[in-house]
């Protein structure tokens, strides 16, 4: 799934040289984020949603905080097996 996503990735949208003059904060601020980077992030979110759906994840979360909470809960459960 992620291999397919990598092959569809826009030509370096997330690389600093793709957006000269913009800071890291600019590239991740929803109000100043370049369109191509925003589109790439949404595509990655869809790939994550699809990849984790079989582990109890939803098809789509209402926001990034809900997605991150699920991913951290899954991480905690998986790493607790190592202890």
N, C-alpha and C. Protein backbone atom coordinates (compact mmCIF):
# COMPACT_ATOMS: atom_id res chain seq x y z
N UNK A 1 0.83 -1.19 0.00
CA UNK A 1 0.00 0.00 0.00
C UNK A 1 0.87 1.26 0.00
N UNK A 2 1.85 1.31 0.89
CA UNK A 2 2.69 2.51 0.95
C UNK A 2 3.59 2.60 -0.27
N UNK A 3 3.98 1.45 -0.85
CA UNK A 3 4.77 1.49 -2.08
C UNK A 3 3.97 2.17 -3.19
N UNK A 4 2.69 1.85 -3.29
CA UNK A 4 1.85 2.50 -4.30
C UNK A 4 1.80 4.00 -4.05
N UNK A 5 1.71 4.39 -2.78
CA UNK A 5 1.65 5.81 -2.46
C UNK A 5 2.94 6.50 -2.88
N UNK A 6 4.07 5.88 -2.61
CA UNK A 6 5.35 6.49 -2.98
C UNK A 6 5.44 6.72 -4.48
N UNK A 7 4.90 5.80 -5.25
CA UNK A 7 5.00 5.93 -6.69
C UNK A 7 4.10 7.04 -7.22
N UNK A 8 3.07 7.43 -6.47
CA UNK A 8 2.17 8.49 -6.90
C UNK A 8 2.57 9.86 -6.34
N UNK A 9 3.56 9.87 -5.50
CA UNK A 9 3.96 11.09 -4.82
C UNK A 9 4.29 12.18 -5.84
N UNK A 10 3.76 13.41 -5.60
CA UNK A 10 4.12 14.51 -6.51
C UNK A 10 5.62 14.74 -6.48
N UNK A 11 6.17 15.28 -7.53
CA UNK A 11 7.61 15.45 -7.67
C UNK A 11 8.26 16.26 -6.57
N UNK A 12 8.44 15.66 -5.42
CA UNK A 12 9.19 16.30 -4.35
C UNK A 12 8.45 17.40 -3.63
N UNK A 13 7.16 17.30 -3.49
CA UNK A 13 6.38 18.37 -2.87
C UNK A 13 6.84 18.69 -1.46
N UNK A 14 7.33 17.69 -0.73
CA UNK A 14 7.70 17.93 0.65
C UNK A 14 9.14 18.35 0.86
N UNK A 15 9.93 18.34 -0.19
CA UNK A 15 11.34 18.69 -0.04
C UNK A 15 11.49 20.19 0.03
N UNK A 16 12.39 20.68 0.88
CA UNK A 16 12.58 22.13 1.02
C UNK A 16 12.86 22.84 -0.30
N UNK A 17 13.64 22.23 -1.18
CA UNK A 17 13.97 22.93 -2.43
C UNK A 17 12.77 23.03 -3.36
N UNK A 18 11.72 22.25 -3.10
CA UNK A 18 10.51 22.36 -3.91
C UNK A 18 9.76 23.64 -3.60
N UNK A 19 10.03 24.23 -2.42
CA UNK A 19 9.36 25.46 -1.99
C UNK A 19 10.40 26.40 -1.38
N UNK A 20 11.29 26.93 -2.21
CA UNK A 20 12.33 27.80 -1.66
C UNK A 20 11.72 29.01 -0.98
N UNK A 21 12.32 29.39 0.11
CA UNK A 21 11.84 30.56 0.84
C UNK A 21 10.77 30.24 1.86
N UNK A 22 10.21 29.03 1.84
CA UNK A 22 9.21 28.70 2.85
C UNK A 22 9.87 27.91 3.96
N UNK A 23 9.51 28.24 5.17
CA UNK A 23 10.09 27.56 6.33
C UNK A 23 9.35 26.25 6.57
N UNK A 24 9.89 25.43 7.44
CA UNK A 24 9.22 24.19 7.82
C UNK A 24 7.85 24.52 8.41
N UNK A 25 7.78 25.58 9.21
CA UNK A 25 6.51 25.99 9.79
C UNK A 25 5.51 26.36 8.70
N UNK A 26 5.97 27.05 7.65
CA UNK A 26 5.08 27.41 6.54
C UNK A 26 4.56 26.17 5.83
N UNK A 27 5.43 25.17 5.68
CA UNK A 27 5.03 23.97 4.94
C UNK A 27 4.07 23.09 5.72
N UNK A 28 3.99 23.27 7.04
CA UNK A 28 3.08 22.45 7.83
C UNK A 28 1.92 23.24 8.43
N UNK A 29 1.89 24.54 8.27
CA UNK A 29 0.77 25.36 8.74
C UNK A 29 -0.36 25.26 7.72
N UNK A 30 -1.56 24.83 8.15
CA UNK A 30 -2.66 24.67 7.19
C UNK A 30 -3.02 25.98 6.46
N UNK A 31 -2.69 27.11 7.06
CA UNK A 31 -3.02 28.39 6.43
C UNK A 31 -2.01 28.84 5.37
N UNK A 32 -0.79 28.29 5.44
CA UNK A 32 0.25 28.71 4.50
C UNK A 32 0.84 27.55 3.70
N UNK A 33 0.37 26.35 3.95
CA UNK A 33 0.92 25.16 3.29
C UNK A 33 0.64 25.21 1.79
N UNK A 34 1.67 24.97 0.98
CA UNK A 34 1.48 24.94 -0.46
C UNK A 34 0.47 23.86 -0.86
N UNK A 35 -0.29 24.14 -1.91
CA UNK A 35 -1.36 23.23 -2.33
C UNK A 35 -0.85 21.82 -2.61
N UNK A 36 0.27 21.69 -3.32
CA UNK A 36 0.76 20.36 -3.67
C UNK A 36 1.16 19.57 -2.44
N UNK A 37 1.69 20.24 -1.44
CA UNK A 37 2.07 19.57 -0.21
C UNK A 37 0.82 19.15 0.57
N UNK A 38 -0.19 20.01 0.60
CA UNK A 38 -1.45 19.67 1.27
C UNK A 38 -2.08 18.45 0.60
N UNK A 39 -2.06 18.43 -0.73
CA UNK A 39 -2.62 17.30 -1.47
C UNK A 39 -1.84 16.02 -1.16
N UNK A 40 -0.53 16.11 -1.07
CA UNK A 40 0.29 14.94 -0.74
C UNK A 40 -0.01 14.43 0.66
N UNK A 41 -0.21 15.34 1.61
CA UNK A 41 -0.53 14.93 2.98
C UNK A 41 -1.89 14.24 3.04
N UNK A 42 -2.85 14.75 2.29
CA UNK A 42 -4.18 14.11 2.28
C UNK A 42 -4.10 12.72 1.68
N UNK A 43 -3.29 12.55 0.64
CA UNK A 43 -3.12 11.23 0.04
C UNK A 43 -2.47 10.28 1.03
N UNK A 44 -1.49 10.76 1.78
CA UNK A 44 -0.84 9.93 2.79
C UNK A 44 -1.82 9.56 3.90
N UNK A 45 -2.66 10.51 4.32
CA UNK A 45 -3.69 10.22 5.32
C UNK A 45 -4.60 9.10 4.84
N UNK A 46 -5.02 9.15 3.57
CA UNK A 46 -5.88 8.09 3.03
C UNK A 46 -5.16 6.74 3.04
N UNK A 47 -3.87 6.74 2.73
CA UNK A 47 -3.09 5.49 2.74
C UNK A 47 -2.99 4.94 4.16
N UNK A 48 -2.77 5.81 5.14
CA UNK A 48 -2.70 5.38 6.55
C UNK A 48 -4.06 4.84 6.98
N UNK A 49 -5.12 5.54 6.62
CA UNK A 49 -6.47 5.08 6.98
C UNK A 49 -6.71 3.67 6.44
N UNK A 50 -6.37 3.45 5.19
CA UNK A 50 -6.59 2.15 4.56
C UNK A 50 -5.70 1.08 5.18
N UNK A 51 -4.46 1.42 5.48
CA UNK A 51 -3.52 0.45 6.02
C UNK A 51 -3.92 -0.03 7.42
N UNK A 52 -4.48 0.85 8.23
CA UNK A 52 -4.79 0.49 9.61
C UNK A 52 -6.24 0.13 9.84
N UNK A 53 -7.05 0.14 8.80
CA UNK A 53 -8.46 -0.21 8.95
C UNK A 53 -8.61 -1.63 9.50
N UNK A 54 -7.78 -2.56 9.05
CA UNK A 54 -7.88 -3.95 9.51
C UNK A 54 -7.46 -4.12 10.98
N UNK A 55 -6.79 -3.12 11.55
CA UNK A 55 -6.39 -3.17 12.96
C UNK A 55 -7.37 -2.42 13.85
N UNK A 56 -8.57 -2.21 13.39
CA UNK A 56 -9.58 -1.52 14.18
C UNK A 56 -9.69 -0.05 13.86
N UNK A 57 -8.91 0.41 12.91
CA UNK A 57 -8.99 1.82 12.52
C UNK A 57 -10.24 2.10 11.70
N UNK A 58 -10.63 3.32 11.70
CA UNK A 58 -11.80 3.73 10.94
C UNK A 58 -11.42 3.95 9.48
N UNK A 59 -12.40 4.03 8.63
CA UNK A 59 -12.12 4.34 7.23
C UNK A 59 -11.58 5.76 7.12
N UNK A 60 -12.10 6.65 7.94
CA UNK A 60 -11.60 8.03 7.98
C UNK A 60 -11.85 8.58 9.39
N UNK A 61 -10.93 9.35 9.88
CA UNK A 61 -11.08 9.97 11.18
C UNK A 61 -11.61 11.38 10.99
N UNK A 62 -12.20 11.93 12.04
CA UNK A 62 -12.78 13.27 11.93
C UNK A 62 -11.71 14.35 11.85
N UNK A 63 -10.53 14.07 12.42
CA UNK A 63 -9.44 15.05 12.35
C UNK A 63 -8.11 14.35 12.63
N UNK A 64 -7.04 15.10 12.49
CA UNK A 64 -5.71 14.54 12.69
C UNK A 64 -5.50 14.05 14.13
N UNK A 65 -6.08 14.75 15.10
CA UNK A 65 -5.90 14.37 16.50
C UNK A 65 -6.50 12.99 16.76
N UNK A 66 -7.65 12.71 16.18
CA UNK A 66 -8.28 11.40 16.35
C UNK A 66 -7.43 10.31 15.70
N UNK A 67 -6.90 10.58 14.52
CA UNK A 67 -6.02 9.61 13.82
C UNK A 67 -4.77 9.35 14.66
N UNK A 68 -4.15 10.41 15.15
CA UNK A 68 -2.93 10.27 15.94
C UNK A 68 -3.19 9.51 17.23
N UNK A 69 -4.33 9.76 17.87
CA UNK A 69 -4.67 9.04 19.10
C UNK A 69 -4.76 7.54 18.83
N UNK A 70 -5.41 7.17 17.72
CA UNK A 70 -5.50 5.76 17.37
C UNK A 70 -4.12 5.17 17.12
N UNK A 71 -3.30 5.86 16.34
CA UNK A 71 -1.97 5.35 16.02
C UNK A 71 -1.09 5.20 17.26
N UNK A 72 -1.17 6.16 18.19
CA UNK A 72 -0.38 6.04 19.42
C UNK A 72 -0.90 4.91 20.32
N UNK A 73 -2.22 4.69 20.35
CA UNK A 73 -2.76 3.57 21.12
C UNK A 73 -2.28 2.24 20.53
N UNK A 74 -2.27 2.15 19.20
CA UNK A 74 -1.79 0.95 18.54
C UNK A 74 -0.30 0.75 18.82
N UNK A 75 0.46 1.83 18.75
CA UNK A 75 1.89 1.77 19.04
C UNK A 75 2.13 1.29 20.48
N UNK A 76 1.37 1.85 21.43
CA UNK A 76 1.53 1.45 22.85
C UNK A 76 1.21 -0.02 23.02
N UNK A 77 0.15 -0.50 22.37
CA UNK A 77 -0.20 -1.90 22.49
C UNK A 77 0.87 -2.80 21.89
N UNK A 78 1.39 -2.44 20.75
CA UNK A 78 2.42 -3.26 20.11
C UNK A 78 3.75 -3.24 20.87
N UNK A 79 4.14 -2.08 21.38
CA UNK A 79 5.41 -2.02 22.10
C UNK A 79 5.33 -2.63 23.49
N UNK A 80 4.12 -2.72 24.04
CA UNK A 80 3.99 -3.34 25.36
C UNK A 80 4.31 -4.84 25.27
N UNK A 81 4.20 -5.41 24.08
CA UNK A 81 4.53 -6.82 23.90
C UNK A 81 6.03 -7.06 24.01
N UNK A 82 6.82 -6.00 23.85
CA UNK A 82 8.28 -6.12 23.91
C UNK A 82 8.82 -6.09 25.34
N UNK A 83 8.02 -5.62 26.26
CA UNK A 83 8.47 -5.47 27.65
C UNK A 83 8.49 -6.77 28.40
